[in-house]
Protein backbone atom coordinates (compact mmCIF):
# COMPACT_ATOMS: atom_id res chain seq x y z
CA LEU A 1 137.56 97.88 205.35
CA SER A 2 140.55 100.15 204.72
CA SER A 3 142.62 98.16 207.21
CA SER A 4 141.66 94.89 205.52
CA SER A 5 142.46 96.31 202.08
CA ALA A 6 145.86 97.53 203.25
CA ALA A 7 146.68 94.15 204.77
CA SER A 8 145.68 92.42 201.52
CA ASP A 9 147.91 94.76 199.53
CA VAL A 10 150.87 94.01 201.81
CA TYR A 11 150.27 90.27 201.44
CA LYS A 12 150.14 90.52 197.64
CA ARG A 13 153.38 92.49 197.60
CA GLN A 14 155.16 89.98 199.79
CA ALA A 15 153.92 87.10 197.63
CA LEU A 16 155.19 88.72 194.42
CA ARG A 17 157.88 86.69 192.67
CA TYR A 18 159.97 87.03 189.52
CA ARG A 19 160.79 83.68 187.93
CA GLY A 20 160.39 82.04 191.32
CA GLY A 21 162.65 84.41 193.24
CA ARG A 22 162.05 87.35 195.52
CA ILE A 23 162.42 90.89 194.18
CA GLU A 24 165.29 91.43 196.61
CA ASP A 25 167.16 88.49 195.08
CA LEU A 26 167.51 90.39 191.78
CA GLU A 27 170.13 92.65 193.45
CA ILE A 28 168.97 95.73 191.54
CA SER A 29 169.75 99.22 192.79
CA LEU A 30 167.55 102.28 192.30
CA THR A 31 169.32 103.47 189.16
CA LEU A 32 168.15 103.70 185.58
CA PRO A 33 168.46 100.28 183.85
CA GLY A 34 171.50 100.42 181.57
CA ASP A 35 172.92 103.55 183.22
CA ASP A 36 174.12 103.07 186.79
CA SER A 37 175.19 106.72 186.96
CA TRP A 38 171.57 107.92 186.71
CA GLU A 39 170.15 107.58 190.21
CA LEU A 40 166.38 107.46 190.51
CA ILE A 41 166.54 108.94 194.01
CA PRO A 42 169.39 110.57 195.95
CA GLY A 43 171.72 107.74 196.89
CA GLY A 44 169.92 105.37 194.56
CA ALA A 45 173.12 103.57 193.56
CA ASN A 46 173.41 102.34 197.14
CA THR A 47 169.70 101.66 197.65
CA PRO A 48 168.57 98.11 196.81
CA LEU A 49 165.28 97.39 195.10
CA THR A 50 162.84 95.75 197.51
CA ILE A 51 159.19 94.83 197.49
CA HIS A 52 158.55 98.00 199.49
CA ASN A 53 160.03 100.47 196.99
CA LEU A 54 159.06 98.54 193.84
CA THR A 55 156.22 100.93 192.92
CA GLU A 56 158.49 103.94 193.35
CA TYR A 57 161.12 102.25 191.12
CA ILE A 58 158.63 101.43 188.35
CA ASP A 59 157.15 104.95 188.41
CA ALA A 60 160.59 106.58 188.26
CA VAL A 61 161.89 104.40 185.41
CA SER A 62 158.69 104.93 183.40
CA ARG A 63 158.82 108.69 183.92
CA ILE A 64 162.45 108.96 182.81
CA ILE A 65 162.13 106.68 179.77
CA LEU A 66 158.82 108.05 178.53
CA LYS A 67 159.08 111.70 179.57
CA ASP A 68 162.09 113.26 181.32
CA GLY A 69 164.74 111.33 179.41
CA VAL A 70 163.42 112.27 175.96
CA GLN A 71 161.81 115.63 176.68
CA ARG A 72 164.59 117.65 175.05
CA GLN A 73 164.61 115.45 171.93
CA PHE A 74 160.82 115.63 171.58
CA LYS A 75 160.89 119.42 171.94
CA ALA A 76 163.56 119.69 169.23
CA PHE A 77 161.53 117.45 166.93
CA CYS A 78 158.32 119.41 167.51
CA ASP A 79 160.09 122.74 166.98
CA GLY A 80 161.58 121.54 163.69
CA PHE A 81 158.33 119.95 162.52
CA ASN A 82 156.44 123.13 163.38
CA LEU A 83 158.67 125.17 161.06
CA ILE A 84 157.44 123.10 158.11
CA PHE A 85 153.95 122.08 159.19
CA PRO A 86 152.30 124.08 162.00
CA LEU A 87 151.39 121.67 164.77
CA GLU A 88 147.97 123.20 165.42
CA THR A 89 146.84 122.11 161.95
CA LEU A 90 147.21 118.47 163.03
CA ASN A 91 144.09 118.91 165.14
CA SER A 92 142.12 118.53 161.91
CA PHE A 93 143.14 114.84 161.71
CA THR A 94 142.15 111.81 163.72
CA VAL A 95 144.96 109.44 164.72
CA SER A 96 143.98 107.00 161.95
CA GLU A 97 143.86 109.75 159.34
CA LEU A 98 147.26 111.11 160.35
CA ASP A 99 148.73 107.61 160.18
CA LEU A 100 147.34 107.24 156.66
CA VAL A 101 148.75 110.62 155.57
CA VAL A 102 152.24 109.94 156.97
CA CYS A 103 152.59 106.22 156.26
CA GLY A 104 150.24 105.69 153.35
CA SER A 105 147.98 102.72 152.71
CA SER A 106 149.04 99.11 152.43
CA GLU A 107 145.81 97.96 150.75
CA ASN A 108 147.23 98.10 147.23
CA GLN A 109 150.49 96.29 147.89
CA ASN A 110 149.38 92.72 147.24
CA GLU A 111 152.20 92.29 144.73
CA ASN A 112 154.67 92.32 147.63
CA TRP A 113 152.97 89.31 149.23
CA THR A 114 152.89 86.67 146.52
CA LYS A 115 154.65 83.39 147.25
CA GLU A 116 157.12 84.02 144.44
CA ILE A 117 158.11 87.49 145.68
CA LEU A 118 158.37 86.31 149.27
CA LEU A 119 160.67 83.41 148.35
CA GLU A 120 162.83 85.71 146.23
CA SER A 121 163.05 88.28 149.00
CA ILE A 122 164.04 86.15 152.01
CA ARG A 123 167.31 84.54 152.97
CA THR A 124 167.27 81.13 154.67
CA GLU A 125 170.10 79.94 156.92
CA HIS A 126 171.03 77.70 159.86
CA GLY A 127 168.87 74.68 159.17
CA TYR A 128 166.49 76.01 156.51
CA THR A 129 166.41 76.39 152.76
CA ASN A 130 163.67 77.87 150.59
CA THR A 131 162.27 74.37 150.10
CA SER A 132 162.13 73.53 153.80
CA ARG A 133 158.72 72.57 155.10
CA ALA A 134 158.45 75.41 157.63
CA VAL A 135 159.56 78.02 155.09
CA GLN A 136 156.95 76.84 152.61
CA TYR A 137 154.32 76.94 155.36
CA LEU A 138 155.41 80.48 156.21
CA VAL A 139 155.13 81.92 152.69
CA ASN A 140 151.78 80.16 152.21
CA VAL A 141 150.45 81.82 155.37
CA LEU A 142 151.94 85.23 154.61
CA SER A 143 150.52 85.29 151.09
CA VAL A 144 146.92 85.12 152.36
CA LEU A 145 147.12 87.29 155.49
CA SER A 146 144.68 90.15 155.90
CA ASN A 147 146.00 93.70 155.54
CA GLU A 148 145.82 94.13 159.31
CA HIS A 149 147.86 90.99 159.95
CA ARG A 150 150.34 91.88 157.20
CA ARG A 151 150.95 95.18 158.90
CA GLY A 152 151.36 93.36 162.20
CA PHE A 153 153.86 90.93 160.69
CA VAL A 154 155.95 93.74 159.18
CA ARG A 155 155.99 95.55 162.51
CA PHE A 156 156.88 92.29 164.27
CA VAL A 157 159.93 91.55 162.10
CA THR A 158 161.14 95.09 161.29
CA GLY A 159 159.79 97.36 164.03
CA SER A 160 157.97 99.46 161.40
CA PRO A 161 154.35 99.05 160.23
CA ARG A 162 155.29 99.66 156.57
CA LEU A 163 157.64 98.06 154.09
CA PRO A 164 160.05 100.40 152.30
CA ILE A 165 159.43 101.44 148.70
CA GLY A 166 160.12 98.27 146.74
CA GLY A 167 158.59 95.96 149.34
CA PHE A 168 160.39 92.99 150.87
CA LYS A 169 163.03 93.08 148.13
CA ALA A 170 164.13 96.51 149.35
CA LEU A 171 164.84 95.41 152.93
CA VAL A 172 168.51 95.83 153.84
CA PRO A 173 169.58 93.44 155.19
CA LYS A 174 167.23 90.87 153.70
CA LEU A 175 164.63 89.20 155.86
CA THR A 176 166.44 86.12 157.17
CA ILE A 177 164.64 82.96 158.33
CA VAL A 178 166.55 80.49 160.51
CA ARG A 179 165.49 77.37 162.35
CA LYS A 180 164.70 77.90 166.01
CA LYS A 181 166.07 74.98 167.97
CA LYS A 182 164.74 74.40 171.47
CA LEU A 183 164.50 71.38 173.71
CA GLY A 184 161.01 69.93 173.39
CA GLN A 185 158.38 69.94 170.67
CA ALA A 186 158.67 72.71 168.08
CA ASP A 187 154.89 73.13 168.13
CA SER A 188 155.16 74.38 171.73
CA PHE A 189 157.20 77.48 170.85
CA LEU A 190 156.52 80.82 169.20
CA PRO A 191 158.63 82.40 166.46
CA SER A 192 160.94 85.18 167.64
CA VAL A 193 162.79 88.00 165.92
CA ASN A 194 165.71 90.39 165.98
CA THR A 195 164.19 93.50 164.45
CA CYS A 196 167.54 95.28 164.04
CA PHE A 197 168.68 92.72 161.48
CA TYR A 198 165.28 91.49 160.19
CA TYR A 199 166.19 88.08 161.58
CA MET A 200 163.39 85.62 162.31
CA LYS A 201 163.82 82.41 164.30
CA LEU A 202 161.12 79.99 163.17
CA PRO A 203 160.41 76.62 164.81
CA ASP A 204 159.97 73.66 162.46
CA TYR A 205 156.22 73.40 162.94
CA SER A 206 154.47 70.18 162.06
CA SER A 207 151.62 71.80 160.12
CA GLU A 208 150.68 75.01 158.35
CA ASP A 209 147.74 75.57 160.68
CA ILE A 210 149.98 75.44 163.74
CA LEU A 211 152.44 77.86 162.13
CA ARG A 212 149.61 80.28 161.38
CA ASP A 213 148.28 80.13 164.95
CA LYS A 214 151.72 80.63 166.50
CA LEU A 215 152.64 83.41 164.10
CA LEU A 216 149.43 85.35 164.75
CA GLN A 217 149.92 84.88 168.48
CA ALA A 218 153.44 86.29 168.26
CA ILE A 219 152.25 89.18 166.07
CA GLN A 220 149.50 90.05 168.54
CA HIS A 221 151.52 89.84 171.74
CA GLY A 222 155.03 90.69 170.56
CA GLN A 223 154.50 94.26 169.35
CA HIS A 224 155.45 96.23 172.43
CA GLY A 225 158.30 94.49 174.15
CA PHE A 226 161.29 92.20 173.95
CA SER A 227 159.68 89.00 175.21
CA TYR A 228 159.62 87.58 171.66
CA THR A 229 163.15 88.54 170.63
């Protein structure tokens, strides 16, 4: 059984493709993405990524990005935080309670989500105006979202789960909505964002229901990566 399992694992590795090509065709060396001087293993700059060392590459990149590469910064933050608020006292809170204490509640911020406030707070460019069909669909949908989905939308377009004091009007730069132009039917595509500039690319959907479905799909699946940017 162990021999069969090993053979199956080898077959799956060899069959692995990225956008139709082999891993070796990516011509990636074993260095940290974005920093060729940081070798993941001795001689990593001269070691190509292959299907055989892919697991080692993923483990090393994850360890550096999530642990080794930020360990000093996290320690400095914890040391500074501990001077003001002893860390051991945080054990009294659950994760949800701590989030509420630090970020506050969004349940009483309905005034930031009226159609009038939304239209006053956004900027429309590159194919859209405030009277454009898709923009009107968007503000209609946003004005009736649940608190959970509102929080998801704010995180999706800004990278933060909370609006600043003053709501959408306080965003700098303003939330900008532009028309997303792609070959094919607009209803086939999801909205995408540039969170650094609060810049949302919105397809010209044919109905409000379709916009709602696509927006919620993007909110749900676009929280933790760059696939929707």
